[in-house]
Protein backbone atom coordinates (compact mmCIF):
# COMPACT_ATOMS: atom_id res chain seq x y z
CA UNK A 1 52.90 -67.01 28.51
CA UNK A 2 49.15 -67.51 28.36
CA UNK A 3 47.67 -71.00 28.57
CA UNK A 4 44.32 -71.38 26.82
CA UNK A 5 42.23 -74.54 27.08
CA UNK A 6 39.11 -74.84 24.95
CA UNK A 7 36.60 -77.38 26.20
CA UNK A 8 35.98 -80.06 23.59
CA UNK A 9 33.71 -82.20 25.79
CA UNK A 10 30.42 -83.36 24.34
CA UNK A 11 28.34 -80.37 25.45
CA UNK A 12 30.80 -77.75 24.18
CA UNK A 13 31.46 -79.80 21.06
CA UNK A 14 27.77 -79.56 20.20
CA UNK A 15 27.88 -75.79 20.82
CA UNK A 16 30.76 -75.19 18.41
CA UNK A 17 34.06 -75.79 20.18
CA UNK A 18 35.69 -76.77 16.86
CA UNK A 19 34.80 -73.33 15.48
CA UNK A 20 36.22 -71.63 18.58
CA UNK A 21 39.46 -73.60 18.25
CA UNK A 22 39.75 -72.48 14.62
CA UNK A 23 39.11 -68.86 15.60
CA UNK A 24 41.80 -69.07 18.29
CA UNK A 25 44.32 -70.60 15.88
CA UNK A 26 43.67 -67.90 13.28
CA UNK A 27 43.69 -65.02 15.77
CA UNK A 28 46.93 -66.17 17.39
CA UNK A 29 48.58 -66.44 13.98
CA UNK A 30 47.15 -63.15 12.70
CA UNK A 31 48.48 -61.30 15.78
CA UNK A 32 51.82 -63.11 15.55
CA UNK A 33 51.67 -64.26 19.18
CA UNK A 34 52.40 -67.96 18.64
CA UNK A 35 55.31 -67.75 21.11
CA UNK A 36 53.10 -66.23 23.81
CA UNK A 37 49.99 -68.44 23.71
CA UNK A 38 49.72 -72.18 24.34
CA UNK A 39 46.44 -73.45 22.91
CA UNK A 40 45.08 -76.85 23.84
CA UNK A 41 41.85 -78.77 24.06
CA UNK A 42 40.38 -80.03 27.30
CA UNK A 43 37.61 -82.43 28.12
CA UNK A 44 34.83 -81.10 30.32
CA UNK A 45 35.97 -78.17 32.45
CA UNK A 46 32.80 -78.57 34.51
CA UNK A 47 31.18 -75.20 33.81
CA UNK A 48 28.72 -76.15 31.08
CA UNK A 49 26.50 -73.29 29.99
CA UNK A 50 23.34 -73.15 27.91
CA UNK A 51 25.06 -71.03 25.26
CA UNK A 52 28.56 -71.19 23.88
CA UNK A 53 31.80 -72.90 24.76
CA UNK A 54 33.81 -72.90 27.99
CA UNK A 55 37.37 -71.58 27.73
CA UNK A 56 40.00 -71.52 30.46
CA UNK A 57 42.66 -68.82 30.23
CA UNK A 58 45.40 -69.55 32.75
CA UNK A 59 43.38 -70.08 35.94
CA UNK A 60 40.25 -68.18 34.86
CA UNK A 61 37.25 -70.01 33.44
CA UNK A 62 34.97 -68.22 30.97
CA UNK A 63 31.65 -69.59 29.74
CA UNK A 64 29.46 -68.70 26.80
CA UNK A 65 32.14 -68.06 24.18
CA UNK A 66 30.58 -68.01 20.72
CA UNK A 67 31.67 -67.07 17.21
CA UNK A 68 29.75 -63.84 17.69
CA UNK A 69 31.53 -62.72 20.87
CA UNK A 70 34.91 -64.32 20.17
CA UNK A 71 36.62 -61.18 18.87
CA UNK A 72 35.71 -59.19 21.99
CA UNK A 73 36.73 -62.09 24.25
CA UNK A 74 40.09 -62.46 22.49
CA UNK A 75 40.84 -58.75 22.73
CA UNK A 76 39.95 -58.58 26.43
CA UNK A 77 41.36 -61.85 27.74
CA UNK A 78 44.28 -62.57 25.43
CA UNK A 79 45.59 -59.41 23.76
CA UNK A 80 45.10 -57.21 26.82
CA UNK A 81 46.88 -59.74 29.06
CA UNK A 82 49.79 -60.06 26.62
CA UNK A 83 50.07 -56.28 26.48
CA UNK A 84 50.22 -56.16 30.30
CA UNK A 85 52.83 -58.94 30.43
CA UNK A 86 55.06 -57.08 27.98
CA UNK A 87 55.26 -54.02 30.25
């Protein structure tokens, strides 16, 4: 199980956290991994960045997630981890 928290604090909200949440919801559904990913919002994670949204995946914090780099982020930090867990 992967736990994903998308920061929805004021700074990340202004940088598009609602869009990132929507992208996560769609990607999880499209890959049929609803039973393997828990998606939630979180107020400030404390790693504000000049660009993009902060996302915590399990215990790892990632900054700078944007609509433009979301697909690569999802493949590397969600799909790859699920693939490893299934082994």
